[in-house]
Protein backbone atom coordinates (compact mmCIF):
# COMPACT_ATOMS: atom_id res chain seq x y z
CA MET A 1 57.31 50.76 23.47
CA SER A 2 55.20 53.38 21.01
CA THR A 3 55.71 57.20 19.99
CA LYS A 4 52.93 59.69 19.84
CA ILE A 5 53.50 61.31 16.64
CA SER A 6 52.31 65.59 16.12
CA THR A 7 52.92 67.63 13.07
CA ALA A 8 51.92 71.35 12.65
CA ASN A 9 51.42 70.49 9.20
CA ALA A 10 48.62 68.83 9.78
CA PRO A 11 45.35 69.21 11.51
CA ALA A 12 45.28 68.90 15.75
CA ALA A 13 43.25 66.33 16.99
CA ILE A 14 39.38 67.31 17.88
CA GLY A 15 39.41 65.00 20.62
CA PRO A 16 41.22 63.09 22.69
CA TYR A 17 43.75 61.51 20.30
CA THR A 18 46.93 61.81 18.71
CA GLN A 19 47.60 62.30 14.65
CA ALA A 20 49.43 59.16 15.14
CA ILE A 21 51.33 56.67 16.77
CA VAL A 22 54.84 54.35 15.81
CA ALA A 23 55.00 51.00 17.06
CA ARG A 24 57.04 48.01 16.48
CA GLY A 25 58.59 49.50 13.35
CA MET A 26 54.51 50.09 12.07
CA VAL A 27 52.65 53.72 12.23
CA TYR A 28 48.96 54.01 12.79
CA THR A 29 47.77 57.30 11.94
CA SER A 30 44.19 58.24 13.24
CA GLY A 31 41.67 59.63 10.82
CA GLN A 32 42.37 62.73 8.99
CA ILE A 33 39.56 64.64 7.40
CA ALA A 34 39.75 67.38 5.13
CA LEU A 35 40.75 70.29 7.80
CA ASN A 36 43.06 73.06 6.50
CA PRO A 37 46.22 72.86 9.34
CA GLU A 38 46.20 76.45 8.93
CA THR A 39 43.15 77.14 9.43
CA GLY A 40 41.47 74.86 10.88
CA ALA A 41 38.38 74.97 8.72
CA VAL A 42 37.07 72.59 6.12
CA ASP A 43 38.90 72.70 3.15
CA GLY A 44 36.79 72.57 -0.26
CA THR A 45 32.84 71.37 -0.80
CA THR A 46 33.29 68.22 -2.97
CA ILE A 47 34.57 64.98 -2.46
CA THR A 48 37.02 65.57 -4.80
CA GLU A 49 38.66 69.03 -2.82
CA GLN A 50 38.21 67.24 0.24
CA THR A 51 40.16 63.96 -0.71
CA HIS A 52 43.08 65.84 -1.78
CA ARG A 53 43.16 67.81 1.75
CA VAL A 54 42.78 64.78 3.24
CA CYS A 55 45.29 63.07 1.46
CA LYS A 56 47.99 65.81 1.92
CA ASN A 57 47.19 65.64 5.93
CA LEU A 58 47.86 61.85 5.51
CA THR A 59 50.71 62.86 3.92
CA ALA A 60 52.15 65.61 6.58
CA VAL A 61 51.83 63.09 9.70
CA LEU A 62 53.39 60.23 7.53
CA GLU A 63 56.30 62.28 6.92
CA ALA A 64 56.31 63.35 11.02
CA ALA A 65 56.50 59.78 11.69
CA ASN A 66 59.30 58.97 9.23
CA SER A 67 57.56 56.98 6.77
CA SER A 68 55.11 57.80 3.85
CA MET A 69 52.66 56.67 1.65
CA GLU A 70 54.08 54.30 -0.29
CA LYS A 71 54.99 52.87 2.38
CA ALA A 72 50.80 52.62 3.18
CA VAL A 73 50.08 48.96 3.78
CA LYS A 74 46.40 48.96 4.87
CA THR A 75 44.17 51.75 4.91
CA THR A 76 40.85 52.72 5.89
CA CYS A 77 37.88 54.87 4.00
CA PHE A 78 34.99 56.08 5.37
CA LEU A 79 32.51 58.14 2.84
CA ALA A 80 29.34 60.11 3.36
CA ASP A 81 27.97 58.33 0.62
CA MET A 82 29.02 55.83 -1.30
CA ALA A 83 27.97 57.92 -4.50
CA ASP A 84 30.83 59.56 -4.15
CA PHE A 85 33.34 56.32 -4.72
CA ALA A 86 34.18 56.48 -7.83
CA ALA A 87 35.36 60.51 -7.85
CA PHE A 88 37.28 59.28 -4.47
CA ASN A 89 39.09 56.61 -6.24
CA GLU A 90 40.68 59.18 -8.55
CA VAL A 91 41.84 61.17 -6.18
CA TYR A 92 42.83 58.25 -3.96
CA ALA A 93 44.64 56.30 -6.63
CA GLN A 94 46.90 59.68 -7.08
CA TYR A 95 48.66 59.15 -3.73
CA PHE A 96 48.42 56.10 -2.86
CA THR A 97 50.32 54.56 -6.12
CA ASP A 98 51.59 50.93 -4.66
CA LYS A 99 47.61 50.16 -4.14
CA PRO A 100 48.06 49.40 -0.31
CA ALA A 101 44.86 46.42 1.05
CA ARG A 102 41.59 48.84 1.65
CA SER A 103 38.53 48.42 3.27
CA CYS A 104 36.30 51.71 2.23
CA VAL A 105 32.96 52.19 3.53
CA ALA A 106 29.77 54.49 4.17
CA VAL A 107 28.98 55.85 7.21
CA LYS A 108 25.80 58.21 8.42
CA THR A 109 28.04 61.11 9.65
CA LEU A 110 31.73 62.29 9.50
CA PRO A 111 33.14 64.86 12.26
CA LYS A 112 32.47 68.49 10.73
CA ASN A 113 30.23 67.08 8.30
CA VAL A 114 33.11 66.03 5.92
CA LEU A 115 32.61 63.93 3.09
CA VAL A 116 35.87 61.42 3.55
CA GLU A 117 37.84 60.42 6.17
CA VAL A 118 40.68 58.26 5.79
CA GLU A 119 43.33 56.29 8.31
CA VAL A 120 46.61 54.61 7.33
CA VAL A 121 49.13 51.97 8.72
CA ALA A 122 51.90 52.27 7.17
CA GLU A 123 56.21 50.94 7.85
CA THR A 124 58.31 53.34 8.96
CA ASN A 125 61.85 53.98 7.04
CA ASP A 126 63.57 53.10 10.49
């Protein structure tokens, strides 16, 4: 059995998916991009600004799923430009302090032409 997670504190899905699913004590988030949940607009123009917004969105989704960034076991990160890797890491490290396993790849294009997208697998507090 799985439970769909939705919160107004993170952007609504822009396609046929949900913000996260909880199954068997784990939460699987959909990729979060730098959309401001209040305005629906891309928040920031730099990798630093956008990464902060992505991490805030992920925090909100994980909290709605009774989890947290500290419970993350795996992240998958997508960058529009690998030249942003160092700046992305600086912000990422502020939020993922327990250093979960991670994959990070460069992709040709991301939704809404953002610079970064991150998805998380985390344990729940249940």
